[in-house]
Amino acid sequence: MYELVKFLLPFLLTAGIYAQSAATLKINVYFHNEKFNPNQQDCTKVYPTPRVIPKTKAVAKAALLELFKGITDEERKLEFISFPPEDTKGILKKVNVKNGAAYVNFTKAVYEQLGNATTSCGSGFFSSVEKTLTQFPTIKKVFYAVEGSPRDFYEWVQVGECPRELKNCDGRNFR
């Protein structure tokens, strides 16, 4: 009996190790980086940094929540920069992925907490969101709404009209 346990122990330990890694997923989140883009010369440039998250079917939402946590102390040392987590807390209402697009629905808190995201360099926040989401092969485009209204979002960020793919600012895909 002792010989059998001695023989099986390495296999059981290995199975335990692999079971833990199968429960996680490695993704990238994208932030501005002072080292690679000093003084944010190009406000739309963002750079990847890896994160390990619990495995989930809702990977787009999990990736955004990870992004909205902001940078870690280690990432700060590597000169990544982001909006503070208190500015992004509670802004995500829902994200749906359909037909190659991610439909990101923000809560009204986004107006107050990310008011400067509508400035020229503040809009780089949306570059972080888009790069974080389009790393996944099922997402080619990203659309936005506030409380289900794409019209409200695109007016807020001063783009004006909704993208024509949203057909008259239709908010159905954000629900």
N, C-alpha and C. Protein backbone atom coordinates (compact mmCIF):
# COMPACT_ATOMS: atom_id res chain seq x y z
N MET A 1 0.82 -1.18 0.00
CA MET A 1 0.00 0.00 0.00
C MET A 1 0.87 1.26 0.00
N TYR A 2 1.91 1.27 0.84
CA TYR A 2 2.82 2.40 0.90
C TYR A 2 3.44 2.67 -0.47
N GLU A 3 3.81 1.64 -1.18
CA GLU A 3 4.41 1.79 -2.51
C GLU A 3 3.43 2.42 -3.50
N LEU A 4 2.16 2.04 -3.40
CA LEU A 4 1.13 2.59 -4.29
C LEU A 4 0.96 4.09 -4.03
N VAL A 5 0.88 4.49 -2.77
CA VAL A 5 0.74 5.91 -2.42
C VAL A 5 1.97 6.68 -2.89
N LYS A 6 3.14 6.12 -2.67
CA LYS A 6 4.40 6.75 -3.09
C LYS A 6 4.43 6.93 -4.60
N PHE A 7 3.89 5.95 -5.31
CA PHE A 7 3.85 6.01 -6.77
C PHE A 7 2.83 7.06 -7.26
N LEU A 8 1.67 7.14 -6.64
CA LEU A 8 0.60 8.03 -7.08
C LEU A 8 0.75 9.47 -6.61
N LEU A 9 1.49 9.71 -5.56
CA LEU A 9 1.62 11.05 -4.98
C LEU A 9 2.08 12.10 -6.00
N PRO A 10 3.12 11.87 -6.79
CA PRO A 10 3.51 12.90 -7.77
C PRO A 10 2.40 13.23 -8.76
N PHE A 11 1.62 12.23 -9.16
CA PHE A 11 0.52 12.46 -10.09
C PHE A 11 -0.59 13.29 -9.45
N LEU A 12 -0.88 13.01 -8.20
CA LEU A 12 -1.91 13.76 -7.50
C LEU A 12 -1.50 15.21 -7.28
N LEU A 13 -0.23 15.42 -6.92
CA LEU A 13 0.26 16.78 -6.73
C LEU A 13 0.25 17.54 -8.04
N THR A 14 0.67 16.91 -9.12
CA THR A 14 0.68 17.55 -10.43
C THR A 14 -0.74 17.91 -10.85
N ALA A 15 -1.68 17.04 -10.62
CA ALA A 15 -3.08 17.32 -10.97
C ALA A 15 -3.59 18.53 -10.21
N GLY A 16 -3.22 18.65 -8.94
CA GLY A 16 -3.63 19.79 -8.14
C GLY A 16 -3.07 21.10 -8.68
N ILE A 17 -1.83 21.08 -9.11
CA ILE A 17 -1.20 22.27 -9.66
C ILE A 17 -1.89 22.69 -10.94
N TYR A 18 -2.13 21.73 -11.84
CA TYR A 18 -2.78 22.06 -13.10
C TYR A 18 -4.22 22.50 -12.90
N ALA A 19 -4.90 21.95 -11.93
CA ALA A 19 -6.27 22.36 -11.66
C ALA A 19 -6.32 23.83 -11.25
N GLN A 20 -5.33 24.30 -10.50
CA GLN A 20 -5.31 25.69 -10.09
C GLN A 20 -5.07 26.60 -11.29
N SER A 21 -4.15 26.26 -12.16
CA SER A 21 -3.86 27.12 -13.30
C SER A 21 -4.99 27.10 -14.31
N ALA A 22 -5.75 26.01 -14.39
CA ALA A 22 -6.89 25.96 -15.30
C ALA A 22 -8.01 26.87 -14.82
N ALA A 23 -7.97 27.29 -13.59
CA ALA A 23 -9.01 28.15 -13.03
C ALA A 23 -8.71 29.63 -13.24
N THR A 24 -7.60 29.94 -13.93
CA THR A 24 -7.25 31.33 -14.18
C THR A 24 -7.05 31.57 -15.67
N LEU A 25 -6.99 32.82 -16.01
CA LEU A 25 -6.84 33.24 -17.39
C LEU A 25 -5.89 34.43 -17.42
N LYS A 26 -4.95 34.41 -18.33
CA LYS A 26 -4.02 35.53 -18.47
C LYS A 26 -4.56 36.46 -19.56
N ILE A 27 -4.70 37.73 -19.20
CA ILE A 27 -5.15 38.75 -20.13
C ILE A 27 -4.19 39.92 -20.07
N ASN A 28 -4.38 40.88 -20.95
CA ASN A 28 -3.66 42.15 -20.87
C ASN A 28 -4.66 43.25 -20.57
N VAL A 29 -4.24 44.22 -19.81
CA VAL A 29 -4.96 45.47 -19.69
C VAL A 29 -4.04 46.54 -20.24
N TYR A 30 -4.59 47.58 -20.79
CA TYR A 30 -3.80 48.59 -21.50
C TYR A 30 -3.89 49.93 -20.81
N PHE A 31 -2.72 50.50 -20.52
CA PHE A 31 -2.62 51.79 -19.84
C PHE A 31 -1.65 52.68 -20.60
N HIS A 32 -1.70 53.95 -20.28
CA HIS A 32 -0.68 54.88 -20.76
C HIS A 32 0.62 54.54 -20.05
N ASN A 33 1.75 54.90 -20.68
CA ASN A 33 3.04 54.63 -20.07
C ASN A 33 3.97 55.80 -20.33
N GLU A 34 4.44 56.41 -19.27
CA GLU A 34 5.29 57.60 -19.37
C GLU A 34 6.65 57.27 -20.01
N LYS A 35 7.14 56.09 -19.80
CA LYS A 35 8.45 55.71 -20.36
C LYS A 35 8.37 55.58 -21.88
N PHE A 36 7.32 54.95 -22.38
CA PHE A 36 7.19 54.71 -23.82
C PHE A 36 6.57 55.88 -24.57
N ASN A 37 5.85 56.74 -23.87
CA ASN A 37 5.16 57.87 -24.49
C ASN A 37 5.24 59.06 -23.54
N PRO A 38 6.44 59.68 -23.44
CA PRO A 38 6.65 60.77 -22.48
C PRO A 38 5.64 61.90 -22.65
N ASN A 39 5.12 62.38 -21.53
CA ASN A 39 4.16 63.48 -21.49
C ASN A 39 2.92 63.20 -22.34
N GLN A 40 2.64 61.94 -22.56
CA GLN A 40 1.51 61.51 -23.38
C GLN A 40 1.46 62.29 -24.69
N GLN A 41 2.58 62.28 -25.39
CA GLN A 41 2.66 62.98 -26.68
C GLN A 41 1.56 62.53 -27.62
N ASP A 42 1.23 61.26 -27.58
CA ASP A 42 0.09 60.75 -28.32
C ASP A 42 -0.86 60.16 -27.29
N CYS A 43 -1.94 60.86 -27.03
CA CYS A 43 -2.87 60.47 -25.95
C CYS A 43 -3.59 59.16 -26.23
N THR A 44 -3.55 58.70 -27.46
CA THR A 44 -4.27 57.46 -27.78
C THR A 44 -3.39 56.22 -27.62
N LYS A 45 -2.09 56.41 -27.40
CA LYS A 45 -1.20 55.26 -27.27
C LYS A 45 -1.30 54.65 -25.87
N VAL A 46 -1.57 53.36 -25.85
CA VAL A 46 -1.63 52.61 -24.60
C VAL A 46 -0.83 51.33 -24.78
N TYR A 47 -0.38 50.79 -23.67
CA TYR A 47 0.55 49.66 -23.71
C TYR A 47 0.06 48.55 -22.79
N PRO A 48 0.31 47.30 -23.18
CA PRO A 48 -0.21 46.17 -22.41
C PRO A 48 0.61 45.87 -21.17
N THR A 49 -0.09 45.41 -20.18
CA THR A 49 0.53 44.84 -19.00
C THR A 49 -0.31 43.61 -18.62
N PRO A 50 0.33 42.49 -18.32
CA PRO A 50 -0.43 41.26 -18.08
C PRO A 50 -1.08 41.22 -16.70
N ARG A 51 -2.22 40.56 -16.66
CA ARG A 51 -2.92 40.30 -15.41
C ARG A 51 -3.43 38.86 -15.46
N VAL A 52 -3.57 38.26 -14.32
CA VAL A 52 -4.16 36.92 -14.21
C VAL A 52 -5.48 37.08 -13.46
N ILE A 53 -6.55 36.61 -14.10
CA ILE A 53 -7.89 36.75 -13.51
C ILE A 53 -8.52 35.37 -13.38
N PRO A 54 -9.53 35.24 -12.53
CA PRO A 54 -10.25 33.96 -12.47
C PRO A 54 -10.92 33.68 -13.82
N LYS A 55 -10.88 32.44 -14.24
CA LYS A 55 -11.48 32.06 -15.50
C LYS A 55 -12.98 32.32 -15.44
N THR A 56 -13.52 32.89 -16.52
CA THR A 56 -14.93 33.25 -16.58
C THR A 56 -15.41 33.23 -18.01
N LYS A 57 -16.69 33.05 -18.20
CA LYS A 57 -17.28 33.18 -19.54
C LYS A 57 -17.47 34.65 -19.90
N ALA A 58 -17.58 35.50 -18.90
CA ALA A 58 -17.76 36.94 -19.10
C ALA A 58 -16.41 37.64 -19.10
N VAL A 59 -15.53 37.21 -20.00
CA VAL A 59 -14.14 37.70 -20.00
C VAL A 59 -14.06 39.20 -20.33
N ALA A 60 -14.93 39.71 -21.19
CA ALA A 60 -14.89 41.14 -21.52
C ALA A 60 -15.18 41.99 -20.28
N LYS A 61 -16.20 41.61 -19.53
CA LYS A 61 -16.53 42.35 -18.31
C LYS A 61 -15.41 42.22 -17.29
N ALA A 62 -14.88 41.02 -17.13
CA ALA A 62 -13.79 40.80 -16.17
C ALA A 62 -12.56 41.63 -16.55
N ALA A 63 -12.28 41.71 -17.84
CA ALA A 63 -11.12 42.49 -18.29
C ALA A 63 -11.32 43.98 -18.00
N LEU A 64 -12.54 44.48 -18.24
CA LEU A 64 -12.80 45.89 -17.94
C LEU A 64 -12.73 46.18 -16.45
N LEU A 65 -13.27 45.29 -15.66
CA LEU A 65 -13.18 45.49 -14.20
C LEU A 65 -11.73 45.49 -13.74
N GLU A 66 -10.92 44.65 -14.36
CA GLU A 66 -9.49 44.62 -14.03
C GLU A 66 -8.83 45.94 -14.44
N LEU A 67 -9.17 46.43 -15.62
CA LEU A 67 -8.65 47.72 -16.10
C LEU A 67 -9.05 48.84 -15.15
N PHE A 68 -10.30 48.82 -14.70
CA PHE A 68 -10.81 49.89 -13.86
C PHE A 68 -10.23 49.86 -12.45
N LYS A 69 -9.55 48.78 -12.08
CA LYS A 69 -8.85 48.75 -10.79
C LYS A 69 -7.66 49.68 -10.80
N GLY A 70 -7.21 50.08 -11.99
CA GLY A 70 -6.05 50.95 -12.10
C GLY A 70 -4.76 50.15 -12.04
N ILE A 71 -3.66 50.86 -11.97
CA ILE A 71 -2.36 50.22 -12.00
C ILE A 71 -1.97 49.68 -10.63
N THR A 72 -1.13 48.66 -10.67
CA THR A 72 -0.59 48.09 -9.43
C THR A 72 0.68 48.86 -9.05
N ASP A 73 1.19 48.62 -7.87
CA ASP A 73 2.45 49.26 -7.46
C ASP A 73 3.58 48.88 -8.40
N GLU A 74 3.61 47.63 -8.82
CA GLU A 74 4.65 47.17 -9.75
C GLU A 74 4.53 47.88 -11.10
N GLU A 75 3.31 48.04 -11.58
CA GLU A 75 3.10 48.74 -12.86
C GLU A 75 3.47 50.21 -12.75
N ARG A 76 3.22 50.80 -11.59
CA ARG A 76 3.61 52.20 -11.36
C ARG A 76 5.12 52.35 -11.48
N LYS A 77 5.87 51.38 -10.94
CA LYS A 77 7.33 51.41 -11.06
C LYS A 77 7.78 51.31 -12.51
N LEU A 78 6.97 50.68 -13.35
CA LEU A 78 7.27 50.54 -14.77
C LEU A 78 6.73 51.72 -15.58
N GLU A 79 6.26 52.74 -14.87
CA GLU A 79 5.79 54.01 -15.41
C GLU A 79 4.45 53.95 -16.15
N PHE A 80 3.63 52.94 -15.82
CA PHE A 80 2.26 52.94 -16.32
C PHE A 80 1.47 53.97 -15.54
N ILE A 81 0.47 54.58 -16.19
CA ILE A 81 -0.40 55.54 -15.52
C ILE A 81 -1.85 55.28 -15.93
N SER A 82 -2.77 55.58 -15.02
CA SER A 82 -4.19 55.37 -15.31
C SER A 82 -5.04 56.30 -14.47
N PHE A 83 -6.33 56.30 -14.76
CA PHE A 83 -7.27 56.99 -13.89
C PHE A 83 -7.26 56.28 -12.54
N PRO A 84 -7.42 57.00 -11.46
CA PRO A 84 -7.47 56.35 -10.14
C PRO A 84 -8.70 55.44 -10.04
N PRO A 85 -8.59 54.33 -9.32
CA PRO A 85 -9.71 53.41 -9.21
C PRO A 85 -10.97 54.04 -8.62
N GLU A 86 -10.82 55.05 -7.77
CA GLU A 86 -12.02 55.70 -7.23
C GLU A 86 -12.80 56.45 -8.32
N ASP A 87 -12.11 56.81 -9.41
CA ASP A 87 -12.79 57.47 -10.53
C ASP A 87 -13.52 56.48 -11.44
N THR A 88 -13.10 55.24 -11.43
CA THR A 88 -13.71 54.25 -12.32
C THR A 88 -14.61 53.26 -11.57
N LYS A 89 -14.64 53.35 -10.26
CA LYS A 89 -15.46 52.44 -9.46
C LYS A 89 -16.95 52.68 -9.75
N GLY A 90 -17.63 51.60 -10.09
CA GLY A 90 -19.07 51.66 -10.29
C GLY A 90 -19.53 52.27 -11.60
N ILE A 91 -18.63 52.53 -12.54
CA ILE A 91 -19.05 53.15 -13.80
C ILE A 91 -19.56 52.13 -14.82
N LEU A 92 -19.19 50.87 -14.67
CA LEU A 92 -19.60 49.87 -15.65
C LEU A 92 -20.93 49.25 -15.24
N LYS A 93 -21.91 49.41 -16.11
CA LYS A 93 -23.21 48.81 -15.86
C LYS A 93 -23.26 47.41 -16.48
N LYS A 94 -22.79 47.31 -17.73
CA LYS A 94 -22.88 46.04 -18.43
C LYS A 94 -22.02 46.10 -19.69
N VAL A 95 -21.56 44.94 -20.13
CA VAL A 95 -20.92 44.85 -21.44
C VAL A 95 -21.47 43.61 -22.13
N ASN A 96 -21.90 43.79 -23.35
CA ASN A 96 -22.41 42.69 -24.17
C ASN A 96 -21.50 42.53 -25.37
N VAL A 97 -21.28 41.30 -25.78
CA VAL A 97 -20.49 41.03 -26.98
C VAL A 97 -21.41 40.33 -27.97
N LYS A 98 -21.58 40.96 -29.13
CA LYS A 98 -22.45 40.42 -30.18
C LYS A 98 -21.88 40.74 -31.55
N ASN A 99 -21.86 39.76 -32.41
CA ASN A 99 -21.48 39.96 -33.82
C ASN A 99 -20.19 40.76 -33.99
N GLY A 100 -19.17 40.43 -33.20
CA GLY A 100 -17.87 41.07 -33.35
C GLY A 100 -17.73 42.43 -32.70
N ALA A 101 -18.72 42.83 -31.92
CA ALA A 101 -18.66 44.15 -31.27
C ALA A 101 -18.91 44.00 -29.77
N ALA A 102 -18.27 44.88 -29.01
CA ALA A 102 -18.54 44.99 -27.57
C ALA A 102 -19.38 46.24 -27.37
N TYR A 103 -20.46 46.09 -26.63
CA TYR A 103 -21.35 47.19 -26.31
C TYR A 103 -21.18 47.49 -24.83
N VAL A 104 -20.47 48.58 -24.54
CA VAL A 104 -20.13 48.94 -23.16
C VAL A 104 -21.15 49.96 -22.67
N ASN A 105 -21.86 49.58 -21.62
CA ASN A 105 -22.90 50.43 -21.05
C ASN A 105 -22.42 50.94 -19.69
N PHE A 106 -22.24 52.26 -19.59
CA PHE A 106 -21.81 52.89 -18.35
C PHE A 106 -23.01 53.34 -17.52
N THR A 107 -22.79 53.48 -16.22
CA THR A 107 -23.78 54.09 -15.34
C THR A 107 -23.63 55.60 -15.44
N LYS A 108 -24.59 56.32 -14.88
CA LYS A 108 -24.52 57.79 -14.88
C LYS A 108 -23.34 58.31 -14.06
N ALA A 109 -22.80 57.46 -13.20
CA ALA A 109 -21.64 57.87 -12.40
C ALA A 109 -20.46 58.27 -13.28
N VAL A 110 -20.42 57.79 -14.49
CA VAL A 110 -19.31 58.11 -15.40
C VAL A 110 -19.22 59.61 -15.65
N TYR A 111 -20.36 60.31 -15.68
CA TYR A 111 -20.35 61.76 -15.92
C TYR A 111 -19.56 62.49 -14.84
N GLU A 112 -19.85 62.17 -13.59
CA GLU A 112 -19.20 62.83 -12.47
C GLU A 112 -17.76 62.37 -12.27
N GLN A 113 -17.58 61.06 -12.29
CA GLN A 113 -16.29 60.49 -11.93
C GLN A 113 -15.25 60.60 -13.05
N LEU A 114 -15.68 60.65 -14.29
CA LEU A 114 -14.73 60.73 -15.41
C LEU A 114 -15.01 61.95 -16.29
N GLY A 115 -15.38 63.03 -15.66
CA GLY A 115 -15.68 64.25 -16.41
C GLY A 115 -14.56 64.68 -17.33
N ASN A 116 -13.32 64.48 -16.91
CA ASN A 116 -12.20 64.90 -17.76
C ASN A 116 -11.86 63.86 -18.84
N ALA A 117 -12.62 62.79 -18.94
CA ALA A 117 -12.40 61.81 -20.02
C ALA A 117 -12.86 62.37 -21.35
N THR A 118 -13.55 63.50 -21.32
CA THR A 118 -14.01 64.10 -22.57
C THR A 118 -13.02 65.15 -23.09
N THR A 119 -11.93 65.39 -22.35
CA THR A 119 -10.91 66.31 -22.84
C THR A 119 -10.06 65.59 -23.87
N SER A 120 -9.22 66.33 -24.57
CA SER A 120 -8.44 65.71 -25.64
C SER A 120 -7.60 64.54 -25.14
N CYS A 121 -6.84 64.72 -24.08
CA CYS A 121 -6.03 63.61 -23.58
C CYS A 121 -6.81 62.69 -22.64
N GLY A 122 -7.82 63.20 -22.00
CA GLY A 122 -8.66 62.35 -21.16
C GLY A 122 -9.34 61.26 -21.95
N SER A 123 -9.60 61.54 -23.23
CA SER A 123 -10.26 60.55 -24.08
C SER A 123 -9.37 59.33 -24.31
N GLY A 124 -8.11 59.42 -23.92
CA GLY A 124 -7.22 58.26 -23.99
C GLY A 124 -7.72 57.11 -23.12
N PHE A 125 -8.58 57.43 -22.15
CA PHE A 125 -9.21 56.41 -21.34
C PHE A 125 -9.93 55.40 -22.23
N PHE A 126 -10.59 55.91 -23.26
CA PHE A 126 -11.34 55.02 -24.16
C PHE A 126 -10.40 54.19 -25.03
N SER A 127 -9.19 54.69 -25.27
CA SER A 127 -8.19 53.86 -25.97
C SER A 127 -7.83 52.66 -25.11
N SER A 128 -7.72 52.88 -23.80
CA SER A 128 -7.44 51.77 -22.88
C SER A 128 -8.56 50.73 -22.92
N VAL A 129 -9.79 51.21 -22.90
CA VAL A 129 -10.95 50.31 -22.94
C VAL A 129 -10.94 49.53 -24.25
N GLU A 130 -10.76 50.22 -25.37
CA GLU A 130 -10.83 49.57 -26.68
C GLU A 130 -9.71 48.55 -26.87
N LYS A 131 -8.49 48.90 -26.51
CA LYS A 131 -7.39 47.94 -26.66
C LYS A 131 -7.56 46.74 -25.74
N THR A 132 -8.05 46.98 -24.52
CA THR A 132 -8.28 45.88 -23.59
C THR A 132 -9.32 44.93 -24.16
N LEU A 133 -10.37 45.45 -24.78
CA LEU A 133 -11.43 44.59 -25.31
C LEU A 133 -11.07 43.94 -26.64
N THR A 134 -10.40 44.67 -27.51
CA THR A 134 -10.12 44.11 -28.85
C THR A 134 -8.96 43.12 -28.86
N GLN A 135 -8.36 42.86 -27.70
CA GLN A 135 -7.36 41.78 -27.65
C GLN A 135 -8.04 40.43 -27.84
N PHE A 136 -9.34 40.37 -27.59
CA PHE A 136 -10.09 39.12 -27.72
C PHE A 136 -10.56 38.96 -29.16
N PRO A 137 -10.38 37.78 -29.74
CA PRO A 137 -10.70 37.60 -31.16
C PRO A 137 -12.17 37.80 -31.51
N THR A 138 -13.05 37.73 -30.53
CA THR A 138 -14.48 37.91 -30.80
C THR A 138 -14.90 39.38 -30.84
N ILE A 139 -13.96 40.30 -30.55
CA ILE A 139 -14.30 41.72 -30.51
C ILE A 139 -13.44 42.49 -31.50
N LYS A 140 -14.09 43.10 -32.47
CA LYS A 140 -13.40 43.91 -33.47
C LYS A 140 -13.68 45.41 -33.30
N LYS A 141 -14.83 45.75 -32.70
CA LYS A 141 -15.25 47.13 -32.51
C LYS A 141 -15.85 47.32 -31.13
N VAL A 142 -15.82 48.56 -30.64
CA VAL A 142 -16.39 48.86 -29.33
C VAL A 142 -17.34 50.06 -29.49
N PHE A 143 -18.54 49.92 -28.93
CA PHE A 143 -19.52 50.99 -28.90
C PHE A 143 -19.87 51.29 -27.45
N TYR A 144 -20.32 52.51 -27.19
CA TYR A 144 -20.57 52.95 -25.82
C TYR A 144 -21.97 53.52 -25.65
N ALA A 145 -22.45 53.45 -24.42
CA ALA A 145 -23.72 54.07 -24.04
C ALA A 145 -23.63 54.45 -22.56
N VAL A 146 -24.50 55.36 -22.15
CA VAL A 146 -24.67 55.67 -20.74
C VAL A 146 -26.13 55.35 -20.41
N GLU A 147 -26.30 54.44 -19.45
CA GLU A 147 -27.64 53.98 -19.05
C GLU A 147 -28.45 53.53 -20.27
N GLY A 148 -27.78 52.84 -21.19
CA GLY A 148 -28.45 52.27 -22.35
C GLY A 148 -28.63 53.23 -23.52
N SER A 149 -28.17 54.46 -23.38
CA SER A 149 -28.35 55.45 -24.44
C SER A 149 -27.02 55.79 -25.11
N PRO A 150 -26.80 55.25 -26.32
CA PRO A 150 -25.59 55.63 -27.03
C PRO A 150 -25.58 57.12 -27.38
N ARG A 151 -26.75 57.68 -27.66
CA ARG A 151 -26.83 59.11 -27.99
C ARG A 151 -26.27 59.95 -26.84
N ASP A 152 -26.64 59.61 -25.60
CA ASP A 152 -26.13 60.36 -24.44
C ASP A 152 -24.61 60.26 -24.35
N PHE A 153 -24.08 59.06 -24.60
CA PHE A 153 -22.63 58.90 -24.51
C PHE A 153 -21.92 59.74 -25.57
N TYR A 154 -22.33 59.61 -26.83
CA TYR A 154 -21.60 60.29 -27.91
C TYR A 154 -21.77 61.80 -27.84
N GLU A 155 -22.87 62.29 -27.29
CA GLU A 155 -23.00 63.74 -27.04
C GLU A 155 -22.08 64.16 -25.90
N TRP A 156 -22.00 63.35 -24.86
CA TRP A 156 -21.15 63.67 -23.71
C TRP A 156 -19.68 63.78 -24.12
N VAL A 157 -19.20 62.86 -24.93
CA VAL A 157 -17.79 62.92 -25.33
C VAL A 157 -17.57 63.85 -26.52
N GLN A 158 -18.62 64.55 -26.90
CA GLN A 158 -18.56 65.59 -27.92
C GLN A 158 -18.15 65.06 -29.29
N VAL A 159 -18.57 63.85 -29.58
CA VAL A 159 -18.34 63.29 -30.91
C VAL A 159 -19.49 63.70 -31.81
N GLY A 160 -20.65 63.91 -31.18
CA GLY A 160 -21.84 64.27 -31.96
C GLY A 160 -22.67 63.05 -32.26
N GLU A 161 -22.70 62.68 -33.49
CA GLU A 161 -23.55 61.59 -33.96
C GLU A 161 -23.05 60.23 -33.48
N CYS A 162 -24.00 59.34 -33.32
CA CYS A 162 -23.65 57.95 -33.02
C CYS A 162 -23.00 57.33 -34.25
N PRO A 163 -22.15 56.35 -34.05
CA PRO A 163 -21.61 55.64 -35.22
C PRO A 163 -22.76 55.05 -36.04
N ARG A 164 -22.63 55.08 -37.35
CA ARG A 164 -23.74 54.63 -38.20
C ARG A 164 -24.10 53.17 -37.99
N GLU A 165 -23.14 52.36 -37.48
CA GLU A 165 -23.45 50.95 -37.19
C GLU A 165 -24.52 50.80 -36.11
N LEU A 166 -24.71 51.84 -35.31
CA LEU A 166 -25.73 51.78 -34.26
C LEU A 166 -27.11 52.17 -34.76
N LYS A 167 -27.25 52.43 -36.04
CA LYS A 167 -28.54 52.70 -36.69
C LYS A 167 -29.46 53.57 -35.83
N ASN A 168 -29.33 54.86 -36.00
CA ASN A 168 -30.16 55.83 -35.28
C ASN A 168 -29.99 55.75 -33.76
N CYS A 169 -28.80 55.46 -33.33
CA CYS A 169 -28.49 55.39 -31.89
C CYS A 169 -29.29 54.33 -31.16
N ASP A 170 -29.55 53.24 -31.81
CA ASP A 170 -30.31 52.14 -31.21
C ASP A 170 -29.55 51.59 -30.02
N GLY A 171 -30.21 51.52 -28.87
CA GLY A 171 -29.57 51.07 -27.64
C GLY A 171 -29.86 49.63 -27.26
N ARG A 172 -30.53 48.86 -28.13
CA ARG A 172 -30.92 47.49 -27.77
C ARG A 172 -29.74 46.59 -27.38
N ASN A 173 -28.62 46.73 -28.05
CA ASN A 173 -27.48 45.83 -27.77
C ASN A 173 -26.79 46.16 -26.45
N PHE A 174 -27.16 47.25 -25.82
CA PHE A 174 -26.54 47.64 -24.55
C PHE A 174 -27.30 47.08 -23.36
N ARG A 175 -28.49 46.55 -23.59
CA ARG A 175 -29.33 46.03 -22.49
C ARG A 175 -28.93 44.63 -22.12
